[in-house]
Protein backbone atom coordinates (compact mmCIF):
# COMPACT_ATOMS: atom_id res chain seq x y z
CA MET A 1 14.14 18.59 -1.90
CA THR A 2 16.18 16.83 0.79
CA GLY A 3 18.68 15.05 -1.43
CA ARG A 4 17.45 11.70 -0.15
CA VAL A 5 16.54 8.95 -2.61
CA ALA A 6 14.03 6.14 -2.17
CA LEU A 7 13.27 3.11 -4.32
CA ALA A 8 9.64 2.08 -3.86
CA THR A 9 8.48 -1.19 -5.41
CA GLY A 10 4.89 -1.72 -6.46
CA ALA A 11 4.46 2.06 -6.50
CA SER A 12 2.30 2.47 -9.58
CA ARG A 13 -1.02 2.03 -7.84
CA ARG A 14 -2.98 1.48 -4.64
CA LEU A 15 -1.07 1.51 -1.34
CA GLY A 16 2.33 1.34 -3.03
CA ARG A 17 1.51 4.61 -4.78
CA GLU A 18 0.45 6.18 -1.50
CA PHE A 19 3.81 5.32 0.07
CA ALA A 20 5.58 6.88 -2.93
CA LEU A 21 3.47 10.03 -2.66
CA GLU A 22 4.27 10.40 1.03
CA LEU A 23 7.96 10.10 0.24
CA GLY A 24 7.55 12.80 -2.39
CA ARG A 25 5.83 15.05 0.15
CA ARG A 26 8.86 14.67 2.41
CA GLY A 27 11.27 15.71 -0.30
CA TYR A 28 12.61 12.37 -1.44
CA THR A 29 13.50 11.69 -5.03
CA VAL A 30 11.55 8.50 -5.71
CA ALA A 31 12.40 5.64 -8.06
CA VAL A 32 8.87 4.42 -8.85
CA HIS A 33 8.94 0.71 -9.64
CA TYR A 34 6.20 -0.91 -11.70
CA ARG A 35 5.78 -4.17 -13.58
CA SER A 36 3.03 -3.84 -16.17
CA GLU A 37 1.18 -0.53 -15.89
CA PRO A 38 3.29 2.28 -17.39
CA GLU A 39 0.40 4.73 -17.45
CA ALA A 40 -0.25 4.22 -13.74
CA ALA A 41 3.46 4.60 -12.96
CA THR A 42 3.56 7.81 -14.98
CA GLU A 43 0.60 9.11 -12.98
CA THR A 44 2.49 8.40 -9.75
CA VAL A 45 5.52 10.28 -11.09
CA VAL A 46 3.36 13.25 -12.12
CA ARG A 47 1.60 13.39 -8.76
CA ILE A 48 4.92 13.33 -6.90
CA GLY A 49 6.01 16.27 -9.05
CA GLU A 50 2.82 18.14 -8.16
CA LEU A 51 3.71 17.65 -4.49
CA GLY A 52 7.08 19.29 -5.06
CA GLY A 53 9.08 16.07 -5.25
CA ALA A 54 10.93 14.38 -8.09
CA ALA A 55 10.49 10.87 -9.45
CA GLN A 56 11.21 8.55 -12.34
CA ALA A 57 9.50 5.29 -13.28
CA PHE A 58 11.47 2.04 -13.51
CA ARG A 59 9.92 -1.02 -15.13
CA ALA A 60 10.97 -4.40 -13.72
CA ASP A 61 9.46 -7.85 -13.27
CA LEU A 62 10.79 -8.90 -9.89
CA ALA A 63 9.98 -12.54 -10.66
CA GLU A 64 12.60 -12.66 -13.43
CA GLU A 65 16.06 -13.95 -12.66
CA GLY A 66 18.52 -11.19 -11.78
CA VAL A 67 15.96 -8.38 -12.00
CA PRO A 68 15.76 -7.45 -8.28
CA ARG A 69 19.48 -6.69 -8.31
CA THR A 70 19.43 -4.81 -11.60
CA LEU A 71 16.49 -2.68 -10.43
CA VAL A 72 18.43 -1.52 -7.38
CA GLU A 73 21.55 -0.92 -9.45
CA ALA A 74 19.59 1.11 -12.01
CA ALA A 75 18.10 3.36 -9.34
CA VAL A 76 21.49 3.94 -7.67
CA GLU A 77 23.14 4.62 -11.01
CA ARG A 78 20.44 7.10 -11.99
CA PHE A 79 20.32 9.07 -8.74
CA GLY A 80 23.77 8.47 -7.28
CA ARG A 81 22.68 7.26 -3.86
CA LEU A 82 20.00 5.33 -1.97
CA ASP A 83 18.55 6.20 1.43
CA LEU A 84 15.48 3.97 1.55
CA LEU A 85 14.39 0.72 -0.06
CA LEU A 86 10.63 0.30 0.38
CA HIS A 87 9.26 -3.05 -0.77
CA ALA A 88 5.51 -2.93 -1.33
CA ALA A 89 5.13 -5.12 -4.43
CA SER A 90 2.97 -8.17 -3.70
CA PRO A 91 0.83 -10.49 -5.85
CA TRP A 92 -2.73 -11.00 -4.69
CA VAL A 93 -4.78 -14.13 -5.33
CA GLU A 94 -7.98 -15.10 -3.55
CA LYS A 95 -9.03 -18.74 -3.92
CA PRO A 96 -10.35 -21.61 -1.84
CA PHE A 97 -7.36 -23.50 -0.47
CA LEU A 98 -7.91 -26.63 -2.55
CA GLU A 99 -7.97 -24.58 -5.77
CA MET A 100 -4.61 -22.91 -5.12
CA THR A 101 -1.72 -23.94 -7.34
CA ALA A 102 2.04 -24.14 -7.15
CA LYS A 103 2.10 -21.14 -9.47
CA ASP A 104 0.09 -19.11 -6.93
CA TRP A 105 2.50 -20.13 -4.19
CA ASP A 106 5.61 -19.37 -6.22
CA ALA A 107 4.35 -15.96 -7.36
CA ALA A 108 3.83 -14.80 -3.78
CA GLN A 109 7.20 -16.08 -2.60
CA VAL A 110 9.26 -14.88 -5.57
CA VAL A 111 7.96 -11.31 -5.72
CA GLY A 112 7.69 -11.02 -1.93
CA PRO A 113 10.46 -12.46 0.27
CA ARG A 114 12.80 -13.66 -2.50
CA ALA A 115 12.87 -10.26 -4.18
CA LEU A 116 13.33 -8.57 -0.80
CA PHE A 117 16.26 -10.85 0.04
CA LEU A 118 17.99 -10.14 -3.28
CA MET A 119 17.29 -6.40 -3.28
CA ALA A 120 18.63 -6.10 0.26
CA GLN A 121 21.89 -7.70 -0.83
CA ALA A 122 22.14 -5.38 -3.83
CA ALA A 123 21.20 -2.26 -1.86
CA GLU A 124 23.49 -2.83 1.11
CA PRO A 125 26.51 -0.88 -0.22
CA ALA A 126 24.48 2.22 -1.09
CA LEU A 127 22.36 2.08 2.06
CA SER A 128 25.41 1.54 4.22
CA GLU A 129 27.00 4.65 2.73
CA THR A 130 23.98 6.80 3.63
CA GLU A 131 23.14 4.92 6.85
CA GLY A 132 19.76 4.34 5.28
CA SER A 133 17.02 1.83 5.85
CA ILE A 134 14.78 -0.84 4.39
CA LEU A 135 11.05 -0.74 4.97
CA VAL A 136 9.05 -3.89 4.28
CA VAL A 137 5.31 -3.69 3.68
CA THR A 138 4.00 -6.81 5.34
CA ASP A 139 0.48 -7.64 6.52
CA VAL A 140 -1.36 -8.58 9.69
CA ALA A 141 -2.28 -11.73 7.74
CA ALA A 142 1.26 -12.92 8.47
CA THR A 143 0.18 -13.75 12.00
CA ARG A 144 -3.51 -14.55 11.50
CA PRO A 145 -5.24 -17.36 9.57
CA TRP A 146 -6.56 -16.29 6.17
CA PRO A 147 -7.41 -19.58 4.43
CA ARG A 148 -8.43 -18.02 1.10
CA HIS A 149 -5.07 -16.26 0.87
CA VAL A 150 -2.59 -18.88 2.06
CA PRO A 151 0.29 -18.04 -0.34
CA HIS A 152 -0.02 -14.33 0.47
CA ALA A 153 -0.12 -14.91 4.23
CA ALA A 154 2.82 -17.33 4.12
CA ALA A 155 4.90 -14.94 2.02
CA LYS A 156 4.22 -12.11 4.44
CA ALA A 157 5.21 -14.33 7.38
CA THR A 158 8.50 -15.02 5.64
CA MET A 159 8.99 -11.30 5.14
CA ASN A 160 8.42 -10.77 8.86
CA ALA A 161 11.24 -13.22 9.50
CA LEU A 162 13.44 -11.37 7.04
CA VAL A 163 12.83 -8.08 8.84
CA VAL A 164 14.36 -9.33 12.08
CA ASN A 165 17.15 -11.30 10.40
CA LEU A 166 18.19 -8.51 8.04
CA ALA A 167 18.04 -6.01 10.90
CA VAL A 168 20.84 -7.95 12.59
CA ALA A 169 22.70 -8.94 9.42
CA LEU A 170 22.88 -5.37 8.10
CA ALA A 171 23.50 -3.57 11.41
CA PRO A 172 24.87 -1.20 12.46
CA ARG A 173 24.74 0.99 9.34
CA VAL A 174 21.44 -0.15 7.79
CA ARG A 175 18.12 -0.35 9.64
CA VAL A 176 15.32 -2.74 8.64
CA ASN A 177 11.70 -2.45 9.74
CA GLY A 178 8.24 -3.51 8.63
CA ILE A 179 4.81 -1.92 8.46
CA ALA A 180 1.75 -4.18 8.75
CA PRO A 181 -1.39 -2.43 7.51
CA GLY A 182 -4.88 -3.65 8.25
CA ILE A 183 -7.88 -2.99 5.99
CA VAL A 184 -6.75 0.14 4.14
CA LEU A 185 -7.35 -0.18 0.39
CA PRO A 186 -8.96 -3.60 -0.10
CA PRO A 187 -8.39 -5.28 -3.48
CA ASP A 188 -11.12 -4.63 -6.02
CA ASP A 189 -12.05 -8.32 -6.08
CA LEU A 190 -12.53 -8.52 -2.31
CA ALA A 191 -16.29 -8.49 -1.80
CA ASP A 192 -17.82 -5.63 0.17
CA ASP A 193 -19.40 -8.00 2.68
CA VAL A 194 -16.03 -9.62 3.35
CA VAL A 195 -14.45 -6.22 3.94
CA ALA A 196 -17.30 -5.27 6.27
CA ARG A 197 -16.83 -8.47 8.29
CA LEU A 198 -13.08 -7.89 8.61
CA VAL A 199 -13.60 -4.31 9.72
CA ALA A 200 -16.27 -5.37 12.25
CA ARG A 201 -13.76 -7.69 13.93
CA THR A 202 -11.37 -4.86 14.76
CA PRO A 203 -11.56 -3.06 18.10
CA LEU A 204 -11.86 0.32 16.37
CA LYS A 205 -14.61 -0.91 14.00
CA ARG A 206 -13.36 1.13 11.05
CA ARG A 207 -11.10 0.95 8.03
CA VAL A 208 -7.57 2.22 8.48
CA ALA A 209 -6.96 5.67 6.98
CA VAL A 210 -4.35 5.72 4.23
CA GLU A 211 -2.59 8.71 5.74
CA ASP A 212 -2.26 6.92 9.09
CA VAL A 213 -0.40 4.05 7.44
CA VAL A 214 1.91 6.00 5.16
CA ARG A 215 2.89 8.58 7.76
CA ALA A 216 3.66 5.93 10.35
CA ALA A 217 5.59 3.92 7.76
CA VAL A 218 7.90 6.73 6.71
CA ASP A 219 8.32 7.87 10.32
CA LEU A 220 9.46 4.34 11.17
CA ALA A 221 11.81 4.20 8.20
CA GLU A 222 13.40 7.48 9.26
CA ASN A 223 13.65 6.63 12.97
CA ARG A 224 17.36 6.16 13.58
CA SER A 225 16.81 4.17 16.80
CA ALA A 226 14.39 1.59 15.40
CA THR A 227 15.37 -1.63 13.67
CA GLY A 228 13.91 -5.12 13.51
CA GLN A 229 10.44 -3.78 14.33
CA ILE A 230 7.12 -4.58 12.68
CA LEU A 231 4.53 -1.91 13.34
CA ALA A 232 0.87 -2.83 12.93
CA ILE A 233 -1.43 0.01 11.84
CA ASP A 234 -4.57 -2.09 11.68
CA ALA A 235 -7.35 -0.64 13.87
CA GLY A 236 -6.39 -3.27 16.45
CA ARG A 237 -7.00 -6.30 14.24
CA SER A 238 -3.74 -7.96 15.31
CA VAL A 239 -4.60 -7.98 19.01
CA VAL A 240 -7.97 -9.74 18.94
C-alpha cells in the first residue's frame, strides 16, 4: 500500500470498475462510488482486495442536491486524505434526436459536469494538501458528432471545458486532466453492427484494450508535470 487515497465515481461496473482496479493494483486505497448496484460495488471492493489493495463502497446519487460534496467529505473523513478524484460516472441514453427529452439532457449534465464542478470545489482542500489531482473521464464524442447521443456528447464537451478551466483555477497545487477513451467497453444496448462500424472508422481498425486506457489514465493522473490535458486513447478515432 502506498498510503494514497482515490475516490472513483461510477466504479461499480464497466470502465469505472476497471479504473478502480488499476488504482488498487498501484496501491491506492479506493473509495468506490456507486448509485444503485450495491452487489456490483461490493464485487469491485473484493477484487481490489484480491489485487492487494484496499477499498470501501460509498453509495451516492450525484444528481441529488448536495450529494457531490457530501460524497467527497465522506471519503476524506473515512480515509483521512485524498490524492485523486476520478470522475467516471456518466448516464447513457441512446435515442433519435427528436425523441430525446429534457430529462435526458438534465441527467447527463447533472451527473457529468455539474457533479464534477461541485466535487472539485469540495475536494480542493484535501487535494491541495497532498498536491493531488483530478482525472476526468470524458469521451471522443465531445469533439465528434454523435446524433443519437446528443446529451452525452454535450455533457462530455462541457467536461472538456472544465478540465482546462479547473487546471488553471486549482493550480499550482492541484492538477486536472482528462482521458478520452474510444470504443473500449461498449454499452450493452449498443448494437454489434454499430460497434463494428465505429471500430472500422478508426485508423487502427480495432477496439481499444481496457488495459491501454486505464494504465494511460492513471499515468496521466500521477504525472506531476501535466495539467489541463485531455489524452485520447481511441485507436485514432479522434484524428479522422
